[in-house]
C-alpha atoms as a PDB file:
ATOM      1  CA  MET A   1     104.527  82.398 107.893  1.00  0.00           C
ATOM      2  CA  SER A   2     102.039  85.580 108.017  1.00  0.00           C
ATOM      3  CA  ILE A   3      99.103  83.173 107.212  1.00  0.00           C
ATOM      4  CA  ALA A   4     100.103  80.817 110.075  1.00  0.00           C
ATOM      5  CA  PHE A   5     100.528  83.607 112.598  1.00  0.00           C
ATOM      6  CA  SER A   6      97.182  85.003 111.524  1.00  0.00           C
ATOM      7  CA  LEU A   7      95.490  81.590 111.992  1.00  0.00           C
ATOM      8  CA  MET A   8      97.205  81.110 115.244  1.00  0.00           C
ATOM      9  CA  LEU A   9      95.880  84.368 116.599  1.00  0.00           C
ATOM     10  CA  LEU A  10      92.461  83.792 115.448  1.00  0.00           C
ATOM     11  CA  ALA A  11      92.343  80.303 116.851  1.00  0.00           C
ATOM     12  CA  ASN A  12      93.590  81.567 120.206  1.00  0.00           C
ATOM     13  CA  ASN A  13      90.906  84.386 120.133  1.00  0.00           C
ATOM     14  CA  HIS A  14      87.622  82.703 119.945  1.00  0.00           C
ATOM     15  CA  ARG A  15      85.715  86.005 119.924  1.00  0.00           C
ATOM     16  CA  GLU A  16      87.548  87.497 117.183  1.00  0.00           C
ATOM     17  CA  GLN A  17      87.334  84.133 115.115  1.00  0.00           C
ATOM     18  CA  LYS A  18      83.758  84.350 115.398  1.00  0.00           C
ATOM     19  CA  LEU A  19      83.414  87.865 114.219  1.00  0.00           C
ATOM     20  CA  ALA A  20      85.714  87.153 111.316  1.00  0.00           C
ATOM     21  CA  PHE A  21      83.788  83.768 110.338  1.00  0.00           C
ATOM     22  CA  GLU A  22      80.428  85.896 110.739  1.00  0.00           C
ATOM     23  CA  GLU A  23      81.724  88.602 108.532  1.00  0.00           C
ATOM     24  CA  ILE A  24      82.837  85.996 105.729  1.00  0.00           C
ATOM     25  CA  GLU A  25      79.458  84.069 105.853  1.00  0.00           C
ATOM     26  CA  SER A  26      77.589  87.263 105.423  1.00  0.00           C
ATOM     27  CA  ILE A  27      79.519  88.272 102.168  1.00  0.00           C
ATOM     28  CA  LEU A  28      80.081  84.825 100.635  1.00  0.00           C
ATOM     29  CA  THR A  29      76.504  84.003 100.643  1.00  0.00           C
ATOM     30  CA  ASP A  30      76.607  81.570  97.401  1.00  0.00           C
ATOM     31  CA  PRO A  31      78.892  78.895  97.607  1.00  0.00           C
ATOM     32  CA  SER A  32      78.898  78.299  93.834  1.00  0.00           C
ATOM     33  CA  LYS A  33      79.730  81.721  92.950  1.00  0.00           C
ATOM     34  CA  PRO A  34      83.459  82.723  92.765  1.00  0.00           C
ATOM     35  CA  VAL A  35      85.045  85.176  95.117  1.00  0.00           C
ATOM     36  CA  SER A  36      85.414  88.704  93.789  1.00  0.00           C
ATOM     37  CA  ILE A  37      87.703  91.473  94.491  1.00  0.00           C
ATOM     38  CA  ASN A  38      84.676  93.250  95.470  1.00  0.00           C
ATOM     39  CA  ASP A  39      83.830  90.447  98.094  1.00  0.00           C
ATOM     40  CA  LEU A  40      87.448  90.828  99.416  1.00  0.00           C
ATOM     41  CA  ASN A  41      87.403  94.587  99.671  1.00  0.00           C
ATOM     42  CA  ASN A  42      84.102  94.401 101.991  1.00  0.00           C
ATOM     43  CA  MET A  43      85.912  91.899 104.414  1.00  0.00           C
ATOM     44  CA  SER A  44      87.167  94.882 106.420  1.00  0.00           C
ATOM     45  CA  TYR A  45      87.083  93.072 109.919  1.00  0.00           C
ATOM     46  CA  LEU A  46      89.245  90.224 108.456  1.00  0.00           C
ATOM     47  CA  GLU A  47      91.728  92.756 106.973  1.00  0.00           C
ATOM     48  CA  ARG A  48      92.118  94.460 110.377  1.00  0.00           C
ATOM     49  CA  CYS A  49      92.834  90.968 111.569  1.00  0.00           C
ATOM     50  CA  ILE A  50      95.594  90.275 109.375  1.00  0.00           C
ATOM     51  CA  LYS A  51      97.052  93.625 109.769  1.00  0.00           C
ATOM     52  CA  GLU A  52      97.150  93.180 113.526  1.00  0.00           C
ATOM     53  CA  SER A  53      98.812  89.652 112.980  1.00  0.00           C
ATOM     54  CA  LEU A  54     101.547  91.374 110.719  1.00  0.00           C
ATOM     55  CA  ARG A  55     102.049  94.312 113.294  1.00  0.00           C
ATOM     56  CA  LEU A  56     102.570  91.484 116.064  1.00  0.00           C
ATOM     57  CA  TYR A  57     104.393  89.213 113.856  1.00  0.00           C
ATOM     58  CA  PRO A  58     106.192  91.132 111.097  1.00  0.00           C
ATOM     59  CA  SER A  59     107.102  89.405 107.999  1.00  0.00           C
ATOM     60  CA  VAL A  60     110.572  91.137 107.992  1.00  0.00           C
ATOM     61  CA  PRO A  61     111.532  91.769 111.469  1.00  0.00           C
ATOM     62  CA  PHE A  62     114.092  94.500 112.301  1.00  0.00           C
ATOM     63  CA  ILE A  63     117.320  92.836 113.078  1.00  0.00           C
ATOM     64  CA  GLY A  64     120.310  95.129 113.354  1.00  0.00           C
ATOM     65  CA  ARG A  65     123.723  93.424 112.639  1.00  0.00           C
ATOM     66  CA  ILE A  66     127.262  94.859 112.799  1.00  0.00           C
ATOM     67  CA  ALA A  67     130.013  93.457 110.843  1.00  0.00           C
ATOM     68  CA  ALA A  68     132.784  92.291 112.975  1.00  0.00           C
ATOM     69  CA  GLU A  69     135.503  92.457 110.566  1.00  0.00           C
ATOM     70  CA  ASP A  70     136.024  94.195 107.329  1.00  0.00           C
ATOM     71  CA  ILE A  71     134.462  92.212 104.397  1.00  0.00           C
ATOM     72  CA  LYS A  72     136.926  91.543 101.602  1.00  0.00           C
ATOM     73  CA  THR A  73     135.174  91.181  97.912  1.00  0.00           C
ATOM     74  CA  SER A  74     136.867  89.170  95.052  1.00  0.00           C
ATOM     75  CA  LYS A  75     136.807  90.469  91.695  1.00  0.00           C
ATOM     76  CA  PHE A  76     135.491  88.245  88.795  1.00  0.00           C
END
């Protein structure tokens, strides 16, 4: 879900989408070379976009629940 929300936010914000795309293009210059962890660590703008997406749409939302009645458990 977090990938879908990140893509949705980038699709709706063309300026940020362009900046993320330009950052990716500047780091991944050789298409035949596999992506390394160093390449991913250098993608600071994309990381901030993902973190903002997770802030707006957390993967584990806080939902408070209250038990309406006592819970009975069975012994095995």
